[in-house]
PDB file of N, CA and C in Angstrom:
ATOM      1  N   GLN A   1      75.202 -19.236  12.307  1.00  0.00           N
ATOM      2  CA  GLN A   1      75.741 -19.828  13.517  1.00  0.00           C
ATOM      3  C   GLN A   1      77.220 -20.106  13.312  1.00  0.00           C
ATOM      4  N   VAL A   2      78.055 -19.655  14.256  1.00  0.00           N
ATOM      5  CA  VAL A   2      79.482 -19.880  14.195  1.00  0.00           C
ATOM      6  C   VAL A   2      79.787 -21.287  14.689  1.00  0.00           C
ATOM      7  N   GLN A   3      80.582 -22.023  13.915  1.00  0.00           N
ATOM      8  CA  GLN A   3      81.024 -23.350  14.298  1.00  0.00           C
ATOM      9  C   GLN A   3      82.509 -23.309  14.637  1.00  0.00           C
ATOM     10  N   LEU A   4      82.893 -23.945  15.746  1.00  0.00           N
ATOM     11  CA  LEU A   4      84.274 -24.011  16.188  1.00  0.00           C
ATOM     12  C   LEU A   4      84.675 -25.468  16.344  1.00  0.00           C
ATOM     13  N   ALA A   5      85.882 -25.807  15.898  1.00  0.00           N
ATOM     14  CA  ALA A   5      86.370 -27.179  15.964  1.00  0.00           C
ATOM     15  C   ALA A   5      87.795 -27.190  16.495  1.00  0.00           C
ATOM     16  N   GLU A   6      87.991 -27.785  17.677  1.00  0.00           N
ATOM     17  CA  GLU A   6      89.315 -27.890  18.274  1.00  0.00           C
ATOM     18  C   GLU A   6      89.999 -29.178  17.833  1.00  0.00           C
ATOM     19  N   SER A   7      91.326 -29.148  17.790  1.00  0.00           N
ATOM     20  CA  SER A   7      92.116 -30.325  17.490  1.00  0.00           C
ATOM     21  C   SER A   7      93.516 -30.136  18.071  1.00  0.00           C
ATOM     22  N   GLY A   8      94.293 -31.213  18.102  1.00  0.00           N
ATOM     23  CA  GLY A   8      95.673 -31.146  18.532  1.00  0.00           C
ATOM     24  C   GLY A   8      95.961 -31.712  19.902  1.00  0.00           C
ATOM     25  N   GLY A   9      94.931 -32.098  20.646  1.00  0.00           N
ATOM     26  CA  GLY A   9      95.154 -32.669  21.961  1.00  0.00           C
ATOM     27  C   GLY A   9      95.757 -34.056  21.879  1.00  0.00           C
ATOM     28  N   GLY A  10      96.220 -34.549  23.022  1.00  0.00           N
ATOM     29  CA  GLY A  10      96.810 -35.864  23.077  1.00  0.00           C
ATOM     30  C   GLY A  10      97.563 -36.076  24.362  1.00  0.00           C
ATOM     31  N   LEU A  11      98.388 -37.116  24.385  1.00  0.00           N
ATOM     32  CA  LEU A  11      99.201 -37.472  25.547  1.00  0.00           C
ATOM     33  C   LEU A  11     100.611 -36.936  25.366  1.00  0.00           C
ATOM     34  N   VAL A  12     101.109 -36.248  26.379  1.00  0.00           N
ATOM     35  CA  VAL A  12     102.454 -35.701  26.325  1.00  0.00           C
ATOM     36  C   VAL A  12     103.122 -35.871  27.687  1.00  0.00           C
ATOM     37  N   GLN A  13     104.427 -36.045  27.687  1.00  0.00           N
ATOM     38  CA  GLN A  13     105.187 -36.164  28.928  1.00  0.00           C
ATOM     39  C   GLN A  13     105.357 -34.795  29.572  1.00  0.00           C
ATOM     40  N   ALA A  14     105.394 -34.757  30.892  1.00  0.00           N
ATOM     41  CA  ALA A  14     105.642 -33.502  31.596  1.00  0.00           C
ATOM     42  C   ALA A  14     106.910 -32.850  31.068  1.00  0.00           C
ATOM     43  N   GLY A  15     106.833 -31.542  30.832  1.00  0.00           N
ATOM     44  CA  GLY A  15     107.936 -30.807  30.239  1.00  0.00           C
ATOM     45  C   GLY A  15     107.867 -30.701  28.734  1.00  0.00           C
ATOM     46  N   GLY A  16     106.964 -31.438  28.108  1.00  0.00           N
ATOM     47  CA  GLY A  16     106.818 -31.429  26.671  1.00  0.00           C
ATOM     48  C   GLY A  16     105.913 -30.321  26.178  1.00  0.00           C
ATOM     49  N   SER A  17     105.589 -30.372  24.870  1.00  0.00           N
ATOM     50  CA  SER A  17     104.821 -29.316  24.226  1.00  0.00           C
ATOM     51  C   SER A  17     103.721 -29.887  23.351  1.00  0.00           C
ATOM     52  N   LEU A  18     102.662 -29.103  23.166  1.00  0.00           N
ATOM     53  CA  LEU A  18     101.577 -29.400  22.242  1.00  0.00           C
ATOM     54  C   LEU A  18     101.086 -28.094  21.643  1.00  0.00           C
ATOM     55  N   ARG A  19     100.538 -28.157  20.427  1.00  0.00           N
ATOM     56  CA  ARG A  19      99.881 -27.018  19.815  1.00  0.00           C
ATOM     57  C   ARG A  19      98.442 -27.384  19.503  1.00  0.00           C
ATOM     58  N   LEU A  20      97.510 -26.656  20.104  1.00  0.00           N
ATOM     59  CA  LEU A  20      96.099 -26.844  19.853  1.00  0.00           C
ATOM     60  C   LEU A  20      95.632 -25.884  18.768  1.00  0.00           C
ATOM     61  N   SER A  21      94.643 -26.311  17.975  1.00  0.00           N
ATOM     62  CA  SER A  21      94.084 -25.492  16.910  1.00  0.00           C
ATOM     63  C   SER A  21      92.587 -25.352  17.098  1.00  0.00           C
ATOM     64  N   CYS A  22      92.058 -24.193  16.756  1.00  0.00           N
ATOM     65  CA  CYS A  22      90.622 -23.928  16.771  1.00  0.00           C
ATOM     66  C   CYS A  22      90.251 -23.338  15.419  1.00  0.00           C
ATOM     67  N   ALA A  23      89.557 -24.117  14.605  1.00  0.00           N
ATOM     68  CA  ALA A  23      89.132 -23.677  13.280  1.00  0.00           C
ATOM     69  C   ALA A  23      87.709 -23.140  13.354  1.00  0.00           C
ATOM     70  N   ALA A  24      87.506 -21.917  12.859  1.00  0.00           N
ATOM     71  CA  ALA A  24      86.205 -21.268  12.872  1.00  0.00           C
ATOM     72  C   ALA A  24      85.567 -21.310  11.486  1.00  0.00           C
ATOM     73  N   SER A  25      84.242 -21.298  11.454  1.00  0.00           N
ATOM     74  CA  SER A  25      83.500 -21.377  10.202  1.00  0.00           C
ATOM     75  C   SER A  25      83.376 -20.032   9.494  1.00  0.00           C
ATOM     76  N   GLU A  26      83.853 -18.962  10.095  1.00  0.00           N
ATOM     77  CA  GLU A  26      83.844 -17.649   9.487  1.00  0.00           C
ATOM     78  C   GLU A  26      85.106 -16.918   9.890  1.00  0.00           C
ATOM     79  N   SER A  27      85.342 -15.752   9.293  1.00  0.00           N
ATOM     80  CA  SER A  27      86.543 -14.982   9.585  1.00  0.00           C
ATOM     81  C   SER A  27      86.647 -14.683  11.075  1.00  0.00           C
ATOM     82  N   ILE A  28      87.801 -15.005  11.652  1.00  0.00           N
ATOM     83  CA  ILE A  28      87.984 -14.731  13.082  1.00  0.00           C
ATOM     84  C   ILE A  28      88.083 -13.236  13.353  1.00  0.00           C
ATOM     85  N   LEU A  29      88.306 -12.434  12.329  1.00  0.00           N
ATOM     86  CA  LEU A  29      88.331 -10.986  12.502  1.00  0.00           C
ATOM     87  C   LEU A  29      86.937 -10.433  12.768  1.00  0.00           C
ATOM     88  N   SER A  30      85.895 -11.210  12.452  1.00  0.00           N
ATOM     89  CA  SER A  30      84.531 -10.794  12.735  1.00  0.00           C
ATOM     90  C   SER A  30      84.109 -11.143  14.158  1.00  0.00           C
ATOM     91  N   LEU A  31      84.951 -11.859  14.885  1.00  0.00           N
ATOM     92  CA  LEU A  31      84.680 -12.252  16.261  1.00  0.00           C
ATOM     93  C   LEU A  31      85.454 -11.327  17.198  1.00  0.00           C
ATOM     94  N   ASN A  32      84.762 -10.701  18.128  1.00  0.00           N
ATOM     95  CA  ASN A  32      85.397  -9.706  18.984  1.00  0.00           C
ATOM     96  C   ASN A  32      86.513 -10.298  19.841  1.00  0.00           C
ATOM     97  N   THR A  33      86.254 -11.478  20.411  1.00  0.00           N
ATOM     98  CA  THR A  33      87.213 -12.114  21.291  1.00  0.00           C
ATOM     99  C   THR A  33      87.166 -13.622  21.105  1.00  0.00           C
ATOM    100  N   MET A  34      88.335 -14.253  21.093  1.00  0.00           N
ATOM    101  CA  MET A  34      88.405 -15.705  21.120  1.00  0.00           C
ATOM    102  C   MET A  34      89.274 -16.118  22.298  1.00  0.00           C
ATOM    103  N   THR A  35      88.889 -17.203  22.945  1.00  0.00           N
ATOM    104  CA  THR A  35      89.591 -17.655  24.139  1.00  0.00           C
ATOM    105  C   THR A  35      89.836 -19.154  24.088  1.00  0.00           C
ATOM    106  N   TRP A  36      90.793 -19.582  24.886  1.00  0.00           N
ATOM    107  CA  TRP A  36      90.971 -20.978  25.227  1.00  0.00           C
ATOM    108  C   TRP A  36      90.642 -21.144  26.707  1.00  0.00           C
ATOM    109  N   ASP A  37      89.760 -22.087  26.999  1.00  0.00           N
ATOM    110  CA  ASP A  37      89.393 -22.441  28.359  1.00  0.00           C
ATOM    111  C   ASP A  37      89.715 -23.910  28.579  1.00  0.00           C
ATOM    112  N   ARG A  38      89.786 -24.330  29.835  1.00  0.00           N
ATOM    113  CA  ARG A  38      90.025 -25.736  30.117  1.00  0.00           C
ATOM    114  C   ARG A  38      89.228 -26.169  31.342  1.00  0.00           C
ATOM    115  N   GLN A  39      88.931 -27.464  31.386  1.00  0.00           N
ATOM    116  CA  GLN A  39      88.198 -28.029  32.504  1.00  0.00           C
ATOM    117  C   GLN A  39      88.723 -29.427  32.787  1.00  0.00           C
ATOM    118  N   ALA A  40      89.225 -29.624  33.993  1.00  0.00           N
ATOM    119  CA  ALA A  40      89.695 -30.926  34.442  1.00  0.00           C
ATOM    120  C   ALA A  40      88.575 -31.622  35.208  1.00  0.00           C
ATOM    121  N   PRO A  41      88.602 -32.955  35.291  1.00  0.00           N
ATOM    122  CA  PRO A  41      87.564 -33.679  36.027  1.00  0.00           C
ATOM    123  C   PRO A  41      87.443 -33.193  37.466  1.00  0.00           C
ATOM    124  N   GLY A  42      86.217 -32.911  37.893  1.00  0.00           N
ATOM    125  CA  GLY A  42      85.971 -32.462  39.245  1.00  0.00           C
ATOM    126  C   GLY A  42      86.311 -31.015  39.515  1.00  0.00           C
ATOM    127  N   GLN A  43      86.708 -30.256  38.493  1.00  0.00           N
ATOM    128  CA  GLN A  43      87.077 -28.859  38.660  1.00  0.00           C
ATOM    129  C   GLN A  43      86.219 -27.969  37.773  1.00  0.00           C
ATOM    130  N   GLN A  44      86.158 -26.687  38.122  1.00  0.00           N
ATOM    131  CA  GLN A  44      85.422 -25.723  37.328  1.00  0.00           C
ATOM    132  C   GLN A  44      86.229 -25.300  36.107  1.00  0.00           C
ATOM    133  N   ARG A  45      85.528 -24.811  35.098  1.00  0.00           N
ATOM    134  CA  ARG A  45      86.185 -24.345  33.896  1.00  0.00           C
ATOM    135  C   ARG A  45      87.053 -23.125  34.201  1.00  0.00           C
ATOM    136  N   GLU A  46      88.234 -23.091  33.592  1.00  0.00           N
ATOM    137  CA  GLU A  46      89.213 -22.043  33.833  1.00  0.00           C
ATOM    138  C   GLU A  46      89.583 -21.362  32.520  1.00  0.00           C
ATOM    139  N   LEU A  47      89.578 -20.037  32.512  1.00  0.00           N
ATOM    140  CA  LEU A  47      90.039 -19.273  31.364  1.00  0.00           C
ATOM    141  C   LEU A  47      91.564 -19.254  31.359  1.00  0.00           C
ATOM    142  N   VAL A  48      92.177 -19.630  30.237  1.00  0.00           N
ATOM    143  CA  VAL A  48      93.632 -19.705  30.188  1.00  0.00           C
ATOM    144  C   VAL A  48      94.260 -18.676  29.251  1.00  0.00           C
ATOM    145  N   ALA A  49      93.582 -18.278  28.167  1.00  0.00           N
ATOM    146  CA  ALA A  49      94.175 -17.330  27.226  1.00  0.00           C
ATOM    147  C   ALA A  49      93.091 -16.679  26.386  1.00  0.00           C
ATOM    148  N   THR A  50      93.309 -15.418  25.985  1.00  0.00           N
ATOM    149  CA  THR A  50      92.371 -14.692  25.138  1.00  0.00           C
ATOM    150  C   THR A  50      93.119 -13.954  24.040  1.00  0.00           C
ATOM    151  N   ILE A  51      92.431 -13.727  22.918  1.00  0.00           N
ATOM    152  CA  ILE A  51      92.939 -12.873  21.859  1.00  0.00           C
ATOM    153  C   ILE A  51      91.765 -12.117  21.268  1.00  0.00           C
ATOM    154  N   THR A  52      91.922 -10.808  21.048  1.00  0.00           N
ATOM    155  CA  THR A  52      90.865  -9.984  20.485  1.00  0.00           C
ATOM    156  C   THR A  52      91.018  -9.879  18.980  1.00  0.00           C
ATOM    157  N   SER A  53      89.987  -9.324  18.331  1.00  0.00           N
ATOM    158  CA  SER A  53      90.050  -9.126  16.887  1.00  0.00           C
ATOM    159  C   SER A  53      91.169  -8.171  16.502  1.00  0.00           C
ATOM    160  N   GLY A  54      91.588  -7.314  17.434  1.00  0.00           N
ATOM    161  CA  GLY A  54      92.696  -6.411  17.195  1.00  0.00           C
ATOM    162  C   GLY A  54      94.060  -7.013  17.462  1.00  0.00           C
ATOM    163  N   GLY A  55      94.097  -8.250  17.973  1.00  0.00           N
ATOM    164  CA  GLY A  55      95.348  -8.944  18.196  1.00  0.00           C
ATOM    165  C   GLY A  55      95.892  -8.876  19.606  1.00  0.00           C
ATOM    166  N   SER A  56      95.193  -8.210  20.522  1.00  0.00           N
ATOM    167  CA  SER A  56      95.650  -8.148  21.904  1.00  0.00           C
ATOM    168  C   SER A  56      95.470  -9.500  22.589  1.00  0.00           C
ATOM    169  N   THR A  57      96.410  -9.868  23.447  1.00  0.00           N
ATOM    170  CA  THR A  57      96.380 -11.163  24.127  1.00  0.00           C
ATOM    171  C   THR A  57      96.475 -10.995  25.631  1.00  0.00           C
ATOM    172  N   ASP A  58      95.998 -12.021  26.349  1.00  0.00           N
ATOM    173  CA  ASP A  58      96.095 -12.045  27.794  1.00  0.00           C
ATOM    174  C   ASP A  58      96.116 -13.502  28.236  1.00  0.00           C
ATOM    175  N   TYR A  59      96.689 -13.761  29.431  1.00  0.00           N
ATOM    176  CA  TYR A  59      96.878 -15.118  29.908  1.00  0.00           C
ATOM    177  C   TYR A  59      96.584 -15.220  31.393  1.00  0.00           C
ATOM    178  N   ALA A  60      96.145 -16.403  31.807  1.00  0.00           N
ATOM    179  CA  ALA A  60      96.033 -16.690  33.219  1.00  0.00           C
ATOM    180  C   ALA A  60      97.422 -16.775  33.833  1.00  0.00           C
ATOM    181  N   ASP A  61      97.534 -16.405  35.106  1.00  0.00           N
ATOM    182  CA  ASP A  61      98.826 -16.441  35.775  1.00  0.00           C
ATOM    183  C   ASP A  61      99.441 -17.841  35.755  1.00  0.00           C
ATOM    184  N   SER A  62      98.610 -18.872  35.797  1.00  0.00           N
ATOM    185  CA  SER A  62      99.108 -20.232  35.863  1.00  0.00           C
ATOM    186  C   SER A  62      99.806 -20.689  34.586  1.00  0.00           C
ATOM    187  N   VAL A  63      99.559 -20.001  33.454  1.00  0.00           N
ATOM    188  CA  VAL A  63     100.166 -20.400  32.187  1.00  0.00           C
ATOM    189  C   VAL A  63     101.054 -19.313  31.599  1.00  0.00           C
ATOM    190  N   LYS A  64     101.121 -18.162  32.230  1.00  0.00           N
ATOM    191  CA  LYS A  64     101.918 -17.046  31.727  1.00  0.00           C
ATOM    192  C   LYS A  64     103.373 -17.463  31.557  1.00  0.00           C
ATOM    193  N   GLY A  65     103.929 -17.183  30.386  1.00  0.00           N
ATOM    194  CA  GLY A  65     105.297 -17.545  30.096  1.00  0.00           C
ATOM    195  C   GLY A  65     105.475 -18.929  29.513  1.00  0.00           C
ATOM    196  N   ARG A  66     104.436 -19.767  29.589  1.00  0.00           N
ATOM    197  CA  ARG A  66     104.509 -21.121  29.045  1.00  0.00           C
ATOM    198  C   ARG A  66     103.603 -21.321  27.833  1.00  0.00           C
ATOM    199  N   PHE A  67     102.442 -20.659  27.818  1.00  0.00           N
ATOM    200  CA  PHE A  67     101.476 -20.798  26.730  1.00  0.00           C
ATOM    201  C   PHE A  67     101.470 -19.537  25.876  1.00  0.00           C
ATOM    202  N   THR A  68     101.192 -19.693  24.580  1.00  0.00           N
ATOM    203  CA  THR A  68     101.080 -18.568  23.662  1.00  0.00           C
ATOM    204  C   THR A  68      99.856 -18.759  22.777  1.00  0.00           C
ATOM    205  N   ILE A  69      98.967 -17.759  22.749  1.00  0.00           N
ATOM    206  CA  ILE A  69      97.818 -17.786  21.854  1.00  0.00           C
ATOM    207  C   ILE A  69      98.153 -16.948  20.624  1.00  0.00           C
ATOM    208  N   SER A  70      97.804 -17.444  19.450  1.00  0.00           N
ATOM    209  CA  SER A  70      98.089 -16.752  18.202  1.00  0.00           C
ATOM    210  C   SER A  70      96.998 -17.071  17.191  1.00  0.00           C
ATOM    211  N   ARG A  71      97.092 -16.462  16.010  1.00  0.00           N
ATOM    212  CA  ARG A  71      96.055 -16.664  15.001  1.00  0.00           C
ATOM    213  C   ARG A  71      96.633 -16.639  13.600  1.00  0.00           C
ATOM    214  N   ASP A  72      95.902 -17.273  12.681  1.00  0.00           N
ATOM    215  CA  ASP A  72      96.183 -17.211  11.256  1.00  0.00           C
ATOM    216  C   ASP A  72      94.870 -16.824  10.596  1.00  0.00           C
ATOM    217  N   THR A  73      94.729 -15.553  10.238  1.00  0.00           N
ATOM    218  CA  THR A  73      93.461 -15.061   9.704  1.00  0.00           C
ATOM    219  C   THR A  73      93.151 -15.638   8.329  1.00  0.00           C
ATOM    220  N   THR A  74      94.173 -16.058   7.573  1.00  0.00           N
ATOM    221  CA  THR A  74      93.932 -16.655   6.265  1.00  0.00           C
ATOM    222  C   THR A  74      93.322 -18.041   6.377  1.00  0.00           C
ATOM    223  N   LYS A  75      93.487 -18.693   7.522  1.00  0.00           N
ATOM    224  CA  LYS A  75      92.945 -20.033   7.753  1.00  0.00           C
ATOM    225  C   LYS A  75      91.789 -20.039   8.745  1.00  0.00           C
ATOM    226  N   ASN A  76      91.373 -18.865   9.220  1.00  0.00           N
ATOM    227  CA  ASN A  76      90.296 -18.754  10.213  1.00  0.00           C
ATOM    228  C   ASN A  76      90.580 -19.636  11.428  1.00  0.00           C
ATOM    229  N   THR A  77      91.820 -19.612  11.891  1.00  0.00           N
ATOM    230  CA  THR A  77      92.247 -20.527  12.938  1.00  0.00           C
ATOM    231  C   THR A  77      92.989 -19.784  14.040  1.00  0.00           C
ATOM    232  N   VAL A  78      92.691 -20.153  15.281  1.00  0.00           N
ATOM    233  CA  VAL A  78      93.406 -19.671  16.455  1.00  0.00           C
ATOM    234  C   VAL A  78      94.170 -20.839  17.067  1.00  0.00           C
ATOM    235  N   TYR A  79      95.390 -20.585  17.520  1.00  0.00           N
ATOM    236  CA  TYR A  79      96.252 -21.623  18.065  1.00  0.00           C
ATOM    237  C   TYR A  79      96.563 -21.361  19.531  1.00  0.00           C
ATOM    238  N   LEU A  80      96.872 -22.426  20.248  1.00  0.00           N
ATOM    239  CA  LEU A  80      97.400 -22.334  21.596  1.00  0.00           C
ATOM    240  C   LEU A  80      98.646 -23.208  21.661  1.00  0.00           C
ATOM    241  N   GLU A  81      99.815 -22.574  21.702  1.00  0.00           N
ATOM    242  CA  GLU A  81     101.073 -23.282  21.846  1.00  0.00           C
ATOM    243  C   GLU A  81     101.347 -23.466  23.327  1.00  0.00           C
ATOM    244  N   MET A  82     101.496 -24.711  23.759  1.00  0.00           N
ATOM    245  CA  MET A  82     101.692 -25.034  25.164  1.00  0.00           C
ATOM    246  C   MET A  82     103.073 -25.653  25.331  1.00  0.00           C
ATOM    247  N   ASN A  83     103.905 -25.016  26.131  1.00  0.00           N
ATOM    248  CA  ASN A  83     105.253 -25.486  26.406  1.00  0.00           C
ATOM    249  C   ASN A  83     105.426 -25.763  27.893  1.00  0.00           C
ATOM    250  N   SER A  84     106.453 -26.538  28.225  1.00  0.00           N
ATOM    251  CA  SER A  84     106.757 -26.873  29.622  1.00  0.00           C
ATOM    252  C   SER A  84     105.516 -27.364  30.348  1.00  0.00           C
ATOM    253  N   LEU A  85     104.816 -28.303  29.748  1.00  0.00           N
ATOM    254  CA  LEU A  85     103.555 -28.779  30.299  1.00  0.00           C
ATOM    255  C   LEU A  85     103.754 -29.474  31.642  1.00  0.00           C
ATOM    256  N   LYS A  86     102.796 -29.263  32.525  1.00  0.00           N
ATOM    257  CA  LYS A  86     102.791 -29.837  33.859  1.00  0.00           C
ATOM    258  C   LYS A  86     101.587 -30.763  34.005  1.00  0.00           C
ATOM    259  N   PRO A  87     101.649 -31.729  34.933  1.00  0.00           N
ATOM    260  CA  PRO A  87     100.489 -32.601  35.138  1.00  0.00           C
ATOM    261  C   PRO A  87      99.206 -31.827  35.431  1.00  0.00           C
ATOM    262  N   GLU A  88      99.292 -30.701  36.117  1.00  0.00           N
ATOM    263  CA  GLU A  88      98.110 -29.911  36.423  1.00  0.00           C
ATOM    264  C   GLU A  88      97.515 -29.215  35.202  1.00  0.00           C
ATOM    265  N   ASP A  89      98.207 -29.247  34.056  1.00  0.00           N
ATOM    266  CA  ASP A  89      97.660 -28.710  32.818  1.00  0.00           C
ATOM    267  C   ASP A  89      96.705 -29.682  32.139  1.00  0.00           C
ATOM    268  N   ALA A  90      96.658 -30.927  32.586  1.00  0.00           N
ATOM    269  CA  ALA A  90      95.788 -31.930  31.976  1.00  0.00           C
ATOM    270  C   ALA A  90      94.328 -31.516  32.126  1.00  0.00           C
ATOM    271  N   ALA A  91      93.600 -31.495  31.016  1.00  0.00           N
ATOM    272  CA  ALA A  91      92.205 -31.063  31.012  1.00  0.00           C
ATOM    273  C   ALA A  91      91.660 -31.205  29.600  1.00  0.00           C
ATOM    274  N   VAL A  92      90.353 -30.993  29.465  1.00  0.00           N
ATOM    275  CA  VAL A  92      89.750 -30.805  28.155  1.00  0.00           C
ATOM    276  C   VAL A  92      89.815 -29.317  27.848  1.00  0.00           C
ATOM    277  N   TYR A  93      90.396 -28.966  26.713  1.00  0.00           N
ATOM    278  CA  TYR A  93      90.562 -27.575  26.322  1.00  0.00           C
ATOM    279  C   TYR A  93      89.487 -27.200  25.306  1.00  0.00           C
ATOM    280  N   TYR A  94      88.828 -26.061  25.537  1.00  0.00           N
ATOM    281  CA  TYR A  94      87.731 -25.598  24.706  1.00  0.00           C
ATOM    282  C   TYR A  94      88.058 -24.254  24.068  1.00  0.00           C
ATOM    283  N   CYS A  95      87.691 -24.102  22.811  1.00  0.00           N
ATOM    284  CA  CYS A  95      87.747 -22.826  22.118  1.00  0.00           C
ATOM    285  C   CYS A  95      86.420 -22.101  22.312  1.00  0.00           C
ATOM    286  N   HIS A  96      86.474 -20.802  22.554  1.00  0.00           N
ATOM    287  CA  HIS A  96      85.299 -19.998  22.872  1.00  0.00           C
ATOM    288  C   HIS A  96      85.373 -18.690  22.101  1.00  0.00           C
ATOM    289  N   ALA A  97      84.280 -18.324  21.433  1.00  0.00           N
ATOM    290  CA  ALA A  97      84.211 -17.084  20.681  1.00  0.00           C
ATOM    291  C   ALA A  97      83.096 -16.214  21.222  1.00  0.00           C
ATOM    292  N   VAL A  98      83.329 -14.905  21.278  1.00  0.00           N
ATOM    293  CA  VAL A  98      82.347 -13.939  21.748  1.00  0.00           C
ATOM    294  C   VAL A  98      82.205 -12.841  20.706  1.00  0.00           C
ATOM    295  N   THR A  99      80.968 -12.537  20.335  1.00  0.00           N
ATOM    296  CA  THR A  99      80.671 -11.473  19.384  1.00  0.00           C
ATOM    297  C   THR A  99      79.679 -10.512  20.014  1.00  0.00           C
ATOM    298  N   VAL A 100      79.940  -9.224  19.883  1.00  0.00           N
ATOM    299  CA  VAL A 100      79.038  -8.182  20.351  1.00  0.00           C
ATOM    300  C   VAL A 100      78.573  -7.388  19.135  1.00  0.00           C
ATOM    301  N   THR A 101      77.260  -7.302  18.929  1.00  0.00           N
ATOM    302  CA  THR A 101      76.707  -6.606  17.776  1.00  0.00           C
ATOM    303  C   THR A 101      76.689  -5.103  18.014  1.00  0.00           C
ATOM    304  N   ASP A 102      76.372  -4.362  16.944  1.00  0.00           N
ATOM    305  CA  ASP A 102      76.261  -2.913  17.051  1.00  0.00           C
ATOM    306  C   ASP A 102      75.166  -2.498  18.030  1.00  0.00           C
ATOM    307  N   ARG A 103      74.197  -3.374  18.247  1.00  0.00           N
ATOM    308  CA  ARG A 103      73.102  -3.087  19.168  1.00  0.00           C
ATOM    309  C   ARG A 103      73.446  -3.468  20.603  1.00  0.00           C
ATOM    310  N   GLY A 104      74.635  -4.019  20.818  1.00  0.00           N
ATOM    311  CA  GLY A 104      75.062  -4.397  22.153  1.00  0.00           C
ATOM    312  C   GLY A 104      74.696  -5.803  22.570  1.00  0.00           C
ATOM    313  N   ASP A 105      74.163  -6.614  21.656  1.00  0.00           N
ATOM    314  CA  ASP A 105      73.820  -7.994  21.972  1.00  0.00           C
ATOM    315  C   ASP A 105      75.067  -8.864  21.924  1.00  0.00           C
ATOM    316  N   LYS A 106      75.215  -9.758  22.897  1.00  0.00           N
ATOM    317  CA  LYS A 106      76.379 -10.627  22.986  1.00  0.00           C
ATOM    318  C   LYS A 106      76.013 -12.054  22.613  1.00  0.00           C
ATOM    319  N   TYR A 107      76.826 -12.663  21.764  1.00  0.00           N
ATOM    320  CA  TYR A 107      76.656 -14.044  21.356  1.00  0.00           C
ATOM    321  C   TYR A 107      77.921 -14.812  21.684  1.00  0.00           C
ATOM    322  N   MET A 108      77.754 -16.036  22.218  1.00  0.00           N
ATOM    323  CA  MET A 108      78.877 -16.875  22.596  1.00  0.00           C
ATOM    324  C   MET A 108      78.782 -18.227  21.905  1.00  0.00           C
ATOM    325  N   TYR A 109      79.934 -18.756  21.494  1.00  0.00           N
ATOM    326  CA  TYR A 109      80.004 -20.028  20.791  1.00  0.00           C
ATOM    327  C   TYR A 109      81.114 -20.873  21.402  1.00  0.00           C
ATOM    328  N   TRP A 110      80.892 -22.199  21.458  1.00  0.00           N
ATOM    329  CA  TRP A 110      81.840 -23.143  22.050  1.00  0.00           C
ATOM    330  C   TRP A 110      82.087 -24.299  21.110  1.00  0.00           C
ATOM    331  N   GLY A 111      83.313 -24.784  21.113  1.00  0.00           N
ATOM    332  CA  GLY A 111      83.637 -26.014  20.423  1.00  0.00           C
ATOM    333  C   GLY A 111      83.383 -27.212  21.320  1.00  0.00           C
ATOM    334  N   GLN A 112      83.642 -28.410  20.794  1.00  0.00           N
ATOM    335  CA  GLN A 112      83.406 -29.637  21.546  1.00  0.00           C
ATOM    336  C   GLN A 112      84.561 -30.005  22.464  1.00  0.00           C
ATOM    337  N   GLY A 113      85.714 -29.395  22.289  1.00  0.00           N
ATOM    338  CA  GLY A 113      86.844 -29.626  23.159  1.00  0.00           C
ATOM    339  C   GLY A 113      87.832 -30.632  22.607  1.00  0.00           C
ATOM    340  N   THR A 114      89.076 -30.539  23.067  1.00  0.00           N
ATOM    341  CA  THR A 114      90.120 -31.506  22.758  1.00  0.00           C
ATOM    342  C   THR A 114      90.875 -31.810  24.043  1.00  0.00           C
ATOM    343  N   GLU A 115      91.118 -33.094  24.316  1.00  0.00           N
ATOM    344  CA  GLU A 115      91.658 -33.507  25.600  1.00  0.00           C
ATOM    345  C   GLU A 115      93.180 -33.526  25.585  1.00  0.00           C
ATOM    346  N   VAL A 116      93.764 -32.960  26.633  1.00  0.00           N
ATOM    347  CA  VAL A 116      95.209 -32.961  26.835  1.00  0.00           C
ATOM    348  C   VAL A 116      95.512 -33.772  28.087  1.00  0.00           C
ATOM    349  N   THR A 117      96.379 -34.766  27.961  1.00  0.00           N
ATOM    350  CA  THR A 117      96.808 -35.586  29.077  1.00  0.00           C
ATOM    351  C   THR A 117      98.309 -35.429  29.245  1.00  0.00           C
ATOM    352  N   VAL A 118      98.752 -35.161  30.472  1.00  0.00           N
ATOM    353  CA  VAL A 118     100.166 -34.951  30.766  1.00  0.00           C
ATOM    354  C   VAL A 118     100.605 -36.017  31.751  1.00  0.00           C
ATOM    355  N   SER A 119     101.579 -36.813  31.369  1.00  0.00           N
ATOM    356  CA  SER A 119     102.093 -37.867  32.227  1.00  0.00           C
ATOM    357  C   SER A 119     103.291 -37.363  33.023  1.00  0.00           C
ATOM    358  N   SER A 120     103.456 -37.896  34.225  1.00  0.00           N
ATOM    359  CA  SER A 120     104.572 -37.522  35.090  1.00  0.00           C
ATOM    360  C   SER A 120     105.498 -38.686  35.354  1.00  0.00           C
TER     361      SER A 120
END
C-alpha cells in the first residue's frame, strides 16, 4: 500500500508564497501520475497540477503561471511551489497518486491533506 504525507501548509498573506511537499512511501518513479488537488469548504475538489513518471507536467488554468509542480526522486517527494497566492487559493491541498499495472488495473492513493489559508 502506497502511503502519502503532505506538509507545508499554513497561513500566508495574499501575494505571498508557500511550498507544499508530498512524501511517498515508495519510489515516485513507480507511480504513473502524481497530482495536487484542492478542496475549499462548500466546493468540489479541483485538480490543480499533475506530473507523470516521465516528468511531464500540466496545470489548471486558474493556477497556470503561478504554481509549479516538481519532484525529487532521491527523496521520493513531489512539491508544489505556489506563488502570488490569492484568497481563492485557500483550501485543503491533497496529494494523489495513480498507478496502472501491466494488466490495466488502476490504483489510486490519497494523503490526508494540508491546509492553506490566504489572508487579504
